[in-house]
Amino acid sequence: DVRRATAGAAGPLAHRRLTDALLFEI
C-alpha cells in the first residue's frame, strides 16, 4: 500500500519510508 507507507511524506523521506516498509514485508 504505497499511499499508506508514504502518508505525509514527500521526496527522499517518502522514498525511505516506502523502502523500509517494503523490506519489512520481505
mmCIF file of all heavy atoms, coordinates in Angstrom:
data_MODEL
# 
_entry.id   MODEL 
# 
loop_
_atom_site.group_PDB 
_atom_site.id 
_atom_site.type_symbol 
_atom_site.label_atom_id 
_atom_site.label_alt_id 
_atom_site.label_comp_id 
_atom_site.label_asym_id 
_atom_site.label_entity_id 
_atom_site.label_seq_id 
_atom_site.pdbx_PDB_ins_code 
_atom_site.Cartn_x 
_atom_site.Cartn_y 
_atom_site.Cartn_z 
_atom_site.occupancy 
_atom_site.B_iso_or_equiv 
_atom_site.pdbx_formal_charge 
_atom_site.auth_seq_id 
_atom_site.auth_comp_id 
_atom_site.auth_asym_id 
_atom_site.auth_atom_id 
_atom_site.pdbx_PDB_model_num 
ATOM 1   N N   . ASP A 1 1  ? 0.858  -1.174  0.000  1.00 0.00 ? 1  ASP A N   1 
ATOM 2   C CA  . ASP A 1 1  ? 0.000  0.000   0.000  1.00 0.00 ? 1  ASP A CA  1 
ATOM 3   C C   . ASP A 1 1  ? 0.904  1.236   0.000  1.00 0.00 ? 1  ASP A C   1 
ATOM 4   O O   . ASP A 1 1  ? 1.331  1.724   1.049  1.00 0.00 ? 1  ASP A O   1 
ATOM 5   C CB  . ASP A 1 1  ? -0.907 -0.003  1.237  1.00 0.00 ? 1  ASP A CB  1 
ATOM 6   C CG  . ASP A 1 1  ? -1.969 1.093   1.206  1.00 0.00 ? 1  ASP A CG  1 
ATOM 7   O OD1 . ASP A 1 1  ? -1.756 2.095   0.485  1.00 0.00 ? 1  ASP A OD1 1 
ATOM 8   O OD2 . ASP A 1 1  ? -2.982 0.958   1.891  1.00 0.00 ? 1  ASP A OD2 1 
ATOM 9   N N   . VAL A 1 2  ? 1.208  1.734   -1.192 1.00 0.00 ? 2  VAL A N   1 
ATOM 10  C CA  . VAL A 1 2  ? 2.170  2.826   -1.348 1.00 0.00 ? 2  VAL A CA  1 
ATOM 11  C C   . VAL A 1 2  ? 1.690  4.092   -0.643 1.00 0.00 ? 2  VAL A C   1 
ATOM 12  O O   . VAL A 1 2  ? 2.468  4.786   0.022  1.00 0.00 ? 2  VAL A O   1 
ATOM 13  C CB  . VAL A 1 2  ? 2.435  3.099   -2.840 1.00 0.00 ? 2  VAL A CB  1 
ATOM 14  C CG1 . VAL A 1 2  ? 3.312  4.324   -3.011 1.00 0.00 ? 2  VAL A CG1 1 
ATOM 15  C CG2 . VAL A 1 2  ? 3.086  1.880   -3.488 1.00 0.00 ? 2  VAL A CG2 1 
ATOM 16  N N   . ARG A 1 3  ? 0.414  4.414   -0.773 1.00 0.00 ? 3  ARG A N   1 
ATOM 17  C CA  . ARG A 1 3  ? -0.107 5.638   -0.160 1.00 0.00 ? 3  ARG A CA  1 
ATOM 18  C C   . ARG A 1 3  ? 0.021  5.589   1.360  1.00 0.00 ? 3  ARG A C   1 
ATOM 19  O O   . ARG A 1 3  ? 0.392  6.579   2.000  1.00 0.00 ? 3  ARG A O   1 
ATOM 20  C CB  . ARG A 1 3  ? -1.564 5.833   -0.560 1.00 0.00 ? 3  ARG A CB  1 
ATOM 21  C CG  . ARG A 1 3  ? -1.758 6.209   -2.040 1.00 0.00 ? 3  ARG A CG  1 
ATOM 22  C CD  . ARG A 1 3  ? -3.214 6.502   -2.330 1.00 0.00 ? 3  ARG A CD  1 
ATOM 23  N NE  . ARG A 1 3  ? -3.409 6.880   -3.732 1.00 0.00 ? 3  ARG A NE  1 
ATOM 24  C CZ  . ARG A 1 3  ? -4.592 7.187   -4.257 1.00 0.00 ? 3  ARG A CZ  1 
ATOM 25  N NH1 . ARG A 1 3  ? -5.683 7.165   -3.477 1.00 0.00 ? 3  ARG A NH1 1 
ATOM 26  N NH2 . ARG A 1 3  ? -4.696 7.507   -5.519 1.00 0.00 ? 3  ARG A NH2 1 
ATOM 27  N N   . ARG A 1 4  ? -0.285 4.455   1.932  1.00 0.00 ? 4  ARG A N   1 
ATOM 28  C CA  . ARG A 1 4  ? -0.197 4.324   3.391  1.00 0.00 ? 4  ARG A CA  1 
ATOM 29  C C   . ARG A 1 4  ? 1.249  4.416   3.861  1.00 0.00 ? 4  ARG A C   1 
ATOM 30  O O   . ARG A 1 4  ? 1.550  5.045   4.873  1.00 0.00 ? 4  ARG A O   1 
ATOM 31  C CB  . ARG A 1 4  ? -0.811 2.997   3.827  1.00 0.00 ? 4  ARG A CB  1 
ATOM 32  C CG  . ARG A 1 4  ? -0.810 2.775   5.340  1.00 0.00 ? 4  ARG A CG  1 
ATOM 33  C CD  . ARG A 1 4  ? -1.475 1.471   5.689  1.00 0.00 ? 4  ARG A CD  1 
ATOM 34  N NE  . ARG A 1 4  ? -1.453 1.236   7.129  1.00 0.00 ? 4  ARG A NE  1 
ATOM 35  C CZ  . ARG A 1 4  ? -1.933 0.144   7.709  1.00 0.00 ? 4  ARG A CZ  1 
ATOM 36  N NH1 . ARG A 1 4  ? -2.493 -0.806  6.972  1.00 0.00 ? 4  ARG A NH1 1 
ATOM 37  N NH2 . ARG A 1 4  ? -1.876 0.008   9.022  1.00 0.00 ? 4  ARG A NH2 1 
ATOM 38  N N   . ALA A 1 5  ? 2.146  3.777   3.102  1.00 0.00 ? 5  ALA A N   1 
ATOM 39  C CA  . ALA A 1 5  ? 3.555  3.754   3.503  1.00 0.00 ? 5  ALA A CA  1 
ATOM 40  C C   . ALA A 1 5  ? 4.201  5.132   3.428  1.00 0.00 ? 5  ALA A C   1 
ATOM 41  O O   . ALA A 1 5  ? 5.149  5.416   4.161  1.00 0.00 ? 5  ALA A O   1 
ATOM 42  C CB  . ALA A 1 5  ? 4.329  2.766   2.637  1.00 0.00 ? 5  ALA A CB  1 
ATOM 43  N N   . THR A 1 6  ? 3.692  5.987   2.551  1.00 0.00 ? 6  THR A N   1 
ATOM 44  C CA  . THR A 1 6  ? 4.318  7.300   2.350  1.00 0.00 ? 6  THR A CA  1 
ATOM 45  C C   . THR A 1 6  ? 3.451  8.451   2.858  1.00 0.00 ? 6  THR A C   1 
ATOM 46  O O   . THR A 1 6  ? 3.728  9.610   2.529  1.00 0.00 ? 6  THR A O   1 
ATOM 47  C CB  . THR A 1 6  ? 4.628  7.518   0.859  1.00 0.00 ? 6  THR A CB  1 
ATOM 48  O OG1 . THR A 1 6  ? 3.397  7.437   0.108  1.00 0.00 ? 6  THR A OG1 1 
ATOM 49  C CG2 . THR A 1 6  ? 5.599  6.475   0.348  1.00 0.00 ? 6  THR A CG2 1 
ATOM 50  N N   . ALA A 1 7  ? 2.418  8.158   3.631  1.00 0.00 ? 7  ALA A N   1 
ATOM 51  C CA  . ALA A 1 7  ? 1.483  9.186   4.095  1.00 0.00 ? 7  ALA A CA  1 
ATOM 52  C C   . ALA A 1 7  ? 2.225  10.321  4.803  1.00 0.00 ? 7  ALA A C   1 
ATOM 53  O O   . ALA A 1 7  ? 3.029  10.092  5.707  1.00 0.00 ? 7  ALA A O   1 
ATOM 54  C CB  . ALA A 1 7  ? 0.457  8.576   5.038  1.00 0.00 ? 7  ALA A CB  1 
ATOM 55  N N   . GLY A 1 8  ? 1.962  11.554  4.355  1.00 0.00 ? 8  GLY A N   1 
ATOM 56  C CA  . GLY A 1 8  ? 2.556  12.726  4.986  1.00 0.00 ? 8  GLY A CA  1 
ATOM 57  C C   . GLY A 1 8  ? 4.003  12.973  4.640  1.00 0.00 ? 8  GLY A C   1 
ATOM 58  O O   . GLY A 1 8  ? 4.640  13.847  5.234  1.00 0.00 ? 8  GLY A O   1 
ATOM 59  N N   . ALA A 1 9  ? 4.538  12.237  3.680  1.00 0.00 ? 9  ALA A N   1 
ATOM 60  C CA  . ALA A 1 9  ? 5.951  12.401  3.314  1.00 0.00 ? 9  ALA A CA  1 
ATOM 61  C C   . ALA A 1 9  ? 6.079  12.648  1.817  1.00 0.00 ? 9  ALA A C   1 
ATOM 62  O O   . ALA A 1 9  ? 5.203  12.301  1.024  1.00 0.00 ? 9  ALA A O   1 
ATOM 63  C CB  . ALA A 1 9  ? 6.753  11.168  3.705  1.00 0.00 ? 9  ALA A CB  1 
ATOM 64  N N   . ALA A 1 10 ? 7.193  13.252  1.437  1.00 0.00 ? 10 ALA A N   1 
ATOM 65  C CA  . ALA A 1 10 ? 7.472  13.508  0.023  1.00 0.00 ? 10 ALA A CA  1 
ATOM 66  C C   . ALA A 1 10 ? 8.978  13.452  -0.204 1.00 0.00 ? 10 ALA A C   1 
ATOM 67  O O   . ALA A 1 10 ? 9.763  13.519  0.747  1.00 0.00 ? 10 ALA A O   1 
ATOM 68  C CB  . ALA A 1 10 ? 6.929  14.868  -0.390 1.00 0.00 ? 10 ALA A CB  1 
ATOM 69  N N   . GLY A 1 11 ? 9.384  13.304  -1.468 1.00 0.00 ? 11 GLY A N   1 
ATOM 70  C CA  . GLY A 1 11 ? 10.801 13.306  -1.809 1.00 0.00 ? 11 GLY A CA  1 
ATOM 71  C C   . GLY A 1 11 ? 11.561 12.169  -1.157 1.00 0.00 ? 11 GLY A C   1 
ATOM 72  O O   . GLY A 1 11 ? 11.033 11.061  -0.991 1.00 0.00 ? 11 GLY A O   1 
ATOM 73  N N   . PRO A 1 12 ? 12.813 12.416  -0.750 1.00 0.00 ? 12 PRO A N   1 
ATOM 74  C CA  . PRO A 1 12 ? 13.661 11.375  -0.171 1.00 0.00 ? 12 PRO A CA  1 
ATOM 75  C C   . PRO A 1 12 ? 13.044 10.695  1.064  1.00 0.00 ? 12 PRO A C   1 
ATOM 76  O O   . PRO A 1 12 ? 13.236 9.492   1.276  1.00 0.00 ? 12 PRO A O   1 
ATOM 77  C CB  . PRO A 1 12 ? 14.941 12.132  0.195  1.00 0.00 ? 12 PRO A CB  1 
ATOM 78  C CG  . PRO A 1 12 ? 14.989 13.270  -0.763 1.00 0.00 ? 12 PRO A CG  1 
ATOM 79  C CD  . PRO A 1 12 ? 13.562 13.677  -0.949 1.00 0.00 ? 12 PRO A CD  1 
ATOM 80  N N   . LEU A 1 13 ? 12.295 11.458  1.865  1.00 0.00 ? 13 LEU A N   1 
ATOM 81  C CA  . LEU A 1 13 ? 11.670 10.869  3.053  1.00 0.00 ? 13 LEU A CA  1 
ATOM 82  C C   . LEU A 1 13 ? 10.633 9.832   2.640  1.00 0.00 ? 13 LEU A C   1 
ATOM 83  O O   . LEU A 1 13 ? 10.543 8.748   3.245  1.00 0.00 ? 13 LEU A O   1 
ATOM 84  C CB  . LEU A 1 13 ? 11.017 11.956  3.906  1.00 0.00 ? 13 LEU A CB  1 
ATOM 85  C CG  . LEU A 1 13 ? 10.289 11.469  5.174  1.00 0.00 ? 13 LEU A CG  1 
ATOM 86  C CD1 . LEU A 1 13 ? 11.248 10.693  6.081  1.00 0.00 ? 13 LEU A CD1 1 
ATOM 87  C CD2 . LEU A 1 13 ? 9.661  12.642  5.910  1.00 0.00 ? 13 LEU A CD2 1 
ATOM 88  N N   . ALA A 1 14 ? 9.852  10.122  1.613  1.00 0.00 ? 14 ALA A N   1 
ATOM 89  C CA  . ALA A 1 14 ? 8.863  9.162   1.107  1.00 0.00 ? 14 ALA A CA  1 
ATOM 90  C C   . ALA A 1 14 ? 9.548  7.925   0.553  1.00 0.00 ? 14 ALA A C   1 
ATOM 91  O O   . ALA A 1 14 ? 9.092  6.796   0.755  1.00 0.00 ? 14 ALA A O   1 
ATOM 92  C CB  . ALA A 1 14 ? 7.993  9.826   0.043  1.00 0.00 ? 14 ALA A CB  1 
ATOM 93  N N   . HIS A 1 15 ? 10.653 8.144   -0.154 1.00 0.00 ? 15 HIS A N   1 
ATOM 94  C CA  . HIS A 1 15 ? 11.401 7.011   -0.708 1.00 0.00 ? 15 HIS A CA  1 
ATOM 95  C C   . HIS A 1 15 ? 11.900 6.091   0.400  1.00 0.00 ? 15 HIS A C   1 
ATOM 96  O O   . HIS A 1 15 ? 11.820 4.864   0.295  1.00 0.00 ? 15 HIS A O   1 
ATOM 97  C CB  . HIS A 1 15 ? 12.595 7.517   -1.535 1.00 0.00 ? 15 HIS A CB  1 
ATOM 98  C CG  . HIS A 1 15 ? 12.200 8.374   -2.694 1.00 0.00 ? 15 HIS A CG  1 
ATOM 99  N ND1 . HIS A 1 15 ? 13.070 9.260   -3.288 1.00 0.00 ? 15 HIS A ND1 1 
ATOM 100 C CD2 . HIS A 1 15 ? 11.032 8.473   -3.371 1.00 0.00 ? 15 HIS A CD2 1 
ATOM 101 C CE1 . HIS A 1 15 ? 12.456 9.873   -4.286 1.00 0.00 ? 15 HIS A CE1 1 
ATOM 102 N NE2 . HIS A 1 15 ? 11.223 9.410   -4.358 1.00 0.00 ? 15 HIS A NE2 1 
ATOM 103 N N   . ARG A 1 16 ? 12.432 6.683   1.466  1.00 0.00 ? 16 ARG A N   1 
ATOM 104 C CA  . ARG A 1 16 ? 12.954 5.874   2.563  1.00 0.00 ? 16 ARG A CA  1 
ATOM 105 C C   . ARG A 1 16 ? 11.837 5.146   3.300  1.00 0.00 ? 16 ARG A C   1 
ATOM 106 O O   . ARG A 1 16 ? 11.970 3.973   3.643  1.00 0.00 ? 16 ARG A O   1 
ATOM 107 C CB  . ARG A 1 16 ? 13.755 6.774   3.517  1.00 0.00 ? 16 ARG A CB  1 
ATOM 108 C CG  . ARG A 1 16 ? 14.252 6.107   4.799  1.00 0.00 ? 16 ARG A CG  1 
ATOM 109 C CD  . ARG A 1 16 ? 14.886 4.751   4.592  1.00 0.00 ? 16 ARG A CD  1 
ATOM 110 N NE  . ARG A 1 16 ? 16.012 4.787   3.658  1.00 0.00 ? 16 ARG A NE  1 
ATOM 111 C CZ  . ARG A 1 16 ? 16.561 3.689   3.143  1.00 0.00 ? 16 ARG A CZ  1 
ATOM 112 N NH1 . ARG A 1 16 ? 16.097 2.483   3.446  1.00 0.00 ? 16 ARG A NH1 1 
ATOM 113 N NH2 . ARG A 1 16 ? 17.563 3.783   2.303  1.00 0.00 ? 16 ARG A NH2 1 
ATOM 114 N N   . ARG A 1 17 ? 10.731 5.816   3.550  1.00 0.00 ? 17 ARG A N   1 
ATOM 115 C CA  . ARG A 1 17 ? 9.622  5.172   4.246  1.00 0.00 ? 17 ARG A CA  1 
ATOM 116 C C   . ARG A 1 17 ? 9.084  3.986   3.450  1.00 0.00 ? 17 ARG A C   1 
ATOM 117 O O   . ARG A 1 17 ? 8.816  2.922   4.010  1.00 0.00 ? 17 ARG A O   1 
ATOM 118 C CB  . ARG A 1 17 ? 8.502  6.179   4.498  1.00 0.00 ? 17 ARG A CB  1 
ATOM 119 C CG  . ARG A 1 17 ? 8.777  7.153   5.632  1.00 0.00 ? 17 ARG A CG  1 
ATOM 120 C CD  . ARG A 1 17 ? 7.545  7.981   5.928  1.00 0.00 ? 17 ARG A CD  1 
ATOM 121 N NE  . ARG A 1 17 ? 7.778  8.926   7.011  1.00 0.00 ? 17 ARG A NE  1 
ATOM 122 C CZ  . ARG A 1 17 ? 6.856  9.789   7.450  1.00 0.00 ? 17 ARG A CZ  1 
ATOM 123 N NH1 . ARG A 1 17 ? 5.658  9.813   6.890  1.00 0.00 ? 17 ARG A NH1 1 
ATOM 124 N NH2 . ARG A 1 17 ? 7.145  10.604  8.443  1.00 0.00 ? 17 ARG A NH2 1 
ATOM 125 N N   . LEU A 1 18 ? 8.922  4.180   2.150  1.00 0.00 ? 18 LEU A N   1 
ATOM 126 C CA  . LEU A 1 18 ? 8.402  3.102   1.309  1.00 0.00 ? 18 LEU A CA  1 
ATOM 127 C C   . LEU A 1 18 ? 9.387  1.938   1.263  1.00 0.00 ? 18 LEU A C   1 
ATOM 128 O O   . LEU A 1 18 ? 8.993  0.772   1.330  1.00 0.00 ? 18 LEU A O   1 
ATOM 129 C CB  . LEU A 1 18 ? 8.120  3.629   -0.101 1.00 0.00 ? 18 LEU A CB  1 
ATOM 130 C CG  . LEU A 1 18 ? 7.565  2.610   -1.108 1.00 0.00 ? 18 LEU A CG  1 
ATOM 131 C CD1 . LEU A 1 18 ? 6.304  1.948   -0.576 1.00 0.00 ? 18 LEU A CD1 1 
ATOM 132 C CD2 . LEU A 1 18 ? 7.300  3.275   -2.452 1.00 0.00 ? 18 LEU A CD2 1 
ATOM 133 N N   . THR A 1 19 ? 10.664 2.255   1.160  1.00 0.00 ? 19 THR A N   1 
ATOM 134 C CA  . THR A 1 19 ? 11.690 1.204   1.124  1.00 0.00 ? 19 THR A CA  1 
ATOM 135 C C   . THR A 1 19 ? 11.704 0.406   2.424  1.00 0.00 ? 19 THR A C   1 
ATOM 136 O O   . THR A 1 19 ? 11.767 -0.832  2.396  1.00 0.00 ? 19 THR A O   1 
ATOM 137 C CB  . THR A 1 19 ? 13.077 1.824   0.871  1.00 0.00 ? 19 THR A CB  1 
ATOM 138 O OG1 . THR A 1 19 ? 13.057 2.558   -0.352 1.00 0.00 ? 19 THR A OG1 1 
ATOM 139 C CG2 . THR A 1 19 ? 14.148 0.744   0.791  1.00 0.00 ? 19 THR A CG2 1 
ATOM 140 N N   . ASP A 1 20 ? 11.634 1.088   3.551  1.00 0.00 ? 20 ASP A N   1 
ATOM 141 C CA  . ASP A 1 20 ? 11.641 0.389   4.836  1.00 0.00 ? 20 ASP A CA  1 
ATOM 142 C C   . ASP A 1 20 ? 10.396 -0.473  5.012  1.00 0.00 ? 20 ASP A C   1 
ATOM 143 O O   . ASP A 1 20 ? 10.467 -1.596  5.541  1.00 0.00 ? 20 ASP A O   1 
ATOM 144 C CB  . ASP A 1 20 ? 11.744 1.401   5.981  1.00 0.00 ? 20 ASP A CB  1 
ATOM 145 C CG  . ASP A 1 20 ? 13.103 2.076   6.052  1.00 0.00 ? 20 ASP A CG  1 
ATOM 146 O OD1 . ASP A 1 20 ? 14.051 1.558   5.418  1.00 0.00 ? 20 ASP A OD1 1 
ATOM 147 O OD2 . ASP A 1 20 ? 13.223 3.112   6.738  1.00 0.00 ? 20 ASP A OD2 1 
ATOM 148 N N   . ALA A 1 21 ? 9.242  0.038   4.567  1.00 0.00 ? 21 ALA A N   1 
ATOM 149 C CA  . ALA A 1 21 ? 8.010  -0.752  4.638  1.00 0.00 ? 21 ALA A CA  1 
ATOM 150 C C   . ALA A 1 21 ? 8.111  -1.992  3.753  1.00 0.00 ? 21 ALA A C   1 
ATOM 151 O O   . ALA A 1 21 ? 7.666  -3.087  4.128  1.00 0.00 ? 21 ALA A O   1 
ATOM 152 C CB  . ALA A 1 21 ? 6.812  0.107   4.222  1.00 0.00 ? 21 ALA A CB  1 
ATOM 153 N N   . LEU A 1 22 ? 8.720  -1.833  2.591  1.00 0.00 ? 22 LEU A N   1 
ATOM 154 C CA  . LEU A 1 22 ? 8.904  -2.951  1.673  1.00 0.00 ? 22 LEU A CA  1 
ATOM 155 C C   . LEU A 1 22 ? 9.819  -4.010  2.269  1.00 0.00 ? 22 LEU A C   1 
ATOM 156 O O   . LEU A 1 22 ? 9.525  -5.207  2.217  1.00 0.00 ? 22 LEU A O   1 
ATOM 157 C CB  . LEU A 1 22 ? 9.486  -2.431  0.354  1.00 0.00 ? 22 LEU A CB  1 
ATOM 158 C CG  . LEU A 1 22 ? 9.877  -3.479  -0.679 1.00 0.00 ? 22 LEU A CG  1 
ATOM 159 C CD1 . LEU A 1 22 ? 8.672  -4.299  -1.106 1.00 0.00 ? 22 LEU A CD1 1 
ATOM 160 C CD2 . LEU A 1 22 ? 10.529 -2.809  -1.882 1.00 0.00 ? 22 LEU A CD2 1 
ATOM 161 N N   . LEU A 1 23 ? 10.942 -3.583  2.851  1.00 0.00 ? 23 LEU A N   1 
ATOM 162 C CA  . LEU A 1 23 ? 11.874 -4.545  3.452  1.00 0.00 ? 23 LEU A CA  1 
ATOM 163 C C   . LEU A 1 23 ? 11.229 -5.284  4.620  1.00 0.00 ? 23 LEU A C   1 
ATOM 164 O O   . LEU A 1 23 ? 11.520 -6.466  4.848  1.00 0.00 ? 23 LEU A O   1 
ATOM 165 C CB  . LEU A 1 23 ? 13.149 -3.836  3.895  1.00 0.00 ? 23 LEU A CB  1 
ATOM 166 C CG  . LEU A 1 23 ? 14.317 -3.825  2.889  1.00 0.00 ? 23 LEU A CG  1 
ATOM 167 C CD1 . LEU A 1 23 ? 14.892 -5.224  2.718  1.00 0.00 ? 23 LEU A CD1 1 
ATOM 168 C CD2 . LEU A 1 23 ? 13.898 -3.267  1.529  1.00 0.00 ? 23 LEU A CD2 1 
ATOM 169 N N   . PHE A 1 24 ? 10.340 -4.613  5.350  1.00 0.00 ? 24 PHE A N   1 
ATOM 170 C CA  . PHE A 1 24 ? 9.616  -5.288  6.433  1.00 0.00 ? 24 PHE A CA  1 
ATOM 171 C C   . PHE A 1 24 ? 8.759  -6.421  5.868  1.00 0.00 ? 24 PHE A C   1 
ATOM 172 O O   . PHE A 1 24 ? 8.736  -7.536  6.421  1.00 0.00 ? 24 PHE A O   1 
ATOM 173 C CB  . PHE A 1 24 ? 8.732  -4.291  7.188  1.00 0.00 ? 24 PHE A CB  1 
ATOM 174 C CG  . PHE A 1 24 ? 7.877  -4.940  8.248  1.00 0.00 ? 24 PHE A CG  1 
ATOM 175 C CD1 . PHE A 1 24 ? 8.404  -5.261  9.496  1.00 0.00 ? 24 PHE A CD1 1 
ATOM 176 C CD2 . PHE A 1 24 ? 6.541  -5.244  7.988  1.00 0.00 ? 24 PHE A CD2 1 
ATOM 177 C CE1 . PHE A 1 24 ? 7.617  -5.880  10.469 1.00 0.00 ? 24 PHE A CE1 1 
ATOM 178 C CE2 . PHE A 1 24 ? 5.754  -5.857  8.951  1.00 0.00 ? 24 PHE A CE2 1 
ATOM 179 C CZ  . PHE A 1 24 ? 6.292  -6.177  10.191 1.00 0.00 ? 24 PHE A CZ  1 
ATOM 180 N N   . GLU A 1 25 ? 8.055  -6.158  4.769  1.00 0.00 ? 25 GLU A N   1 
ATOM 181 C CA  . GLU A 1 25 ? 7.207  -7.185  4.161  1.00 0.00 ? 25 GLU A CA  1 
ATOM 182 C C   . GLU A 1 25 ? 8.049  -8.341  3.611  1.00 0.00 ? 25 GLU A C   1 
ATOM 183 O O   . GLU A 1 25 ? 7.679  -9.511  3.740  1.00 0.00 ? 25 GLU A O   1 
ATOM 184 C CB  . GLU A 1 25 ? 6.352  -6.576  3.046  1.00 0.00 ? 25 GLU A CB  1 
ATOM 185 C CG  . GLU A 1 25 ? 5.349  -5.536  3.520  1.00 0.00 ? 25 GLU A CG  1 
ATOM 186 C CD  . GLU A 1 25 ? 4.357  -6.101  4.529  1.00 0.00 ? 25 GLU A CD  1 
ATOM 187 O OE1 . GLU A 1 25 ? 4.014  -7.293  4.431  1.00 0.00 ? 25 GLU A OE1 1 
ATOM 188 O OE2 . GLU A 1 25 ? 3.927  -5.332  5.417  1.00 0.00 ? 25 GLU A OE2 1 
ATOM 189 N N   . ILE A 1 26 ? 9.184  -8.020  3.008  1.00 0.00 ? 26 ILE A N   1 
ATOM 190 C CA  . ILE A 1 26 ? 10.071 -9.065  2.501  1.00 0.00 ? 26 ILE A CA  1 
ATOM 191 C C   . ILE A 1 26 ? 10.579 -9.922  3.648  1.00 0.00 ? 26 ILE A C   1 
ATOM 192 O O   . ILE A 1 26 ? 10.655 -11.161 3.540  1.00 0.00 ? 26 ILE A O   1 
ATOM 193 C CB  . ILE A 1 26 ? 11.252 -8.446  1.717  1.00 0.00 ? 26 ILE A CB  1 
ATOM 194 C CG1 . ILE A 1 26 ? 10.751 -7.770  0.437  1.00 0.00 ? 26 ILE A CG1 1 
ATOM 195 C CG2 . ILE A 1 26 ? 12.301 -9.508  1.385  1.00 0.00 ? 26 ILE A CG2 1 
ATOM 196 C CD1 . ILE A 1 26 ? 11.819 -7.011  -0.319 1.00 0.00 ? 26 ILE A CD1 1 
# 
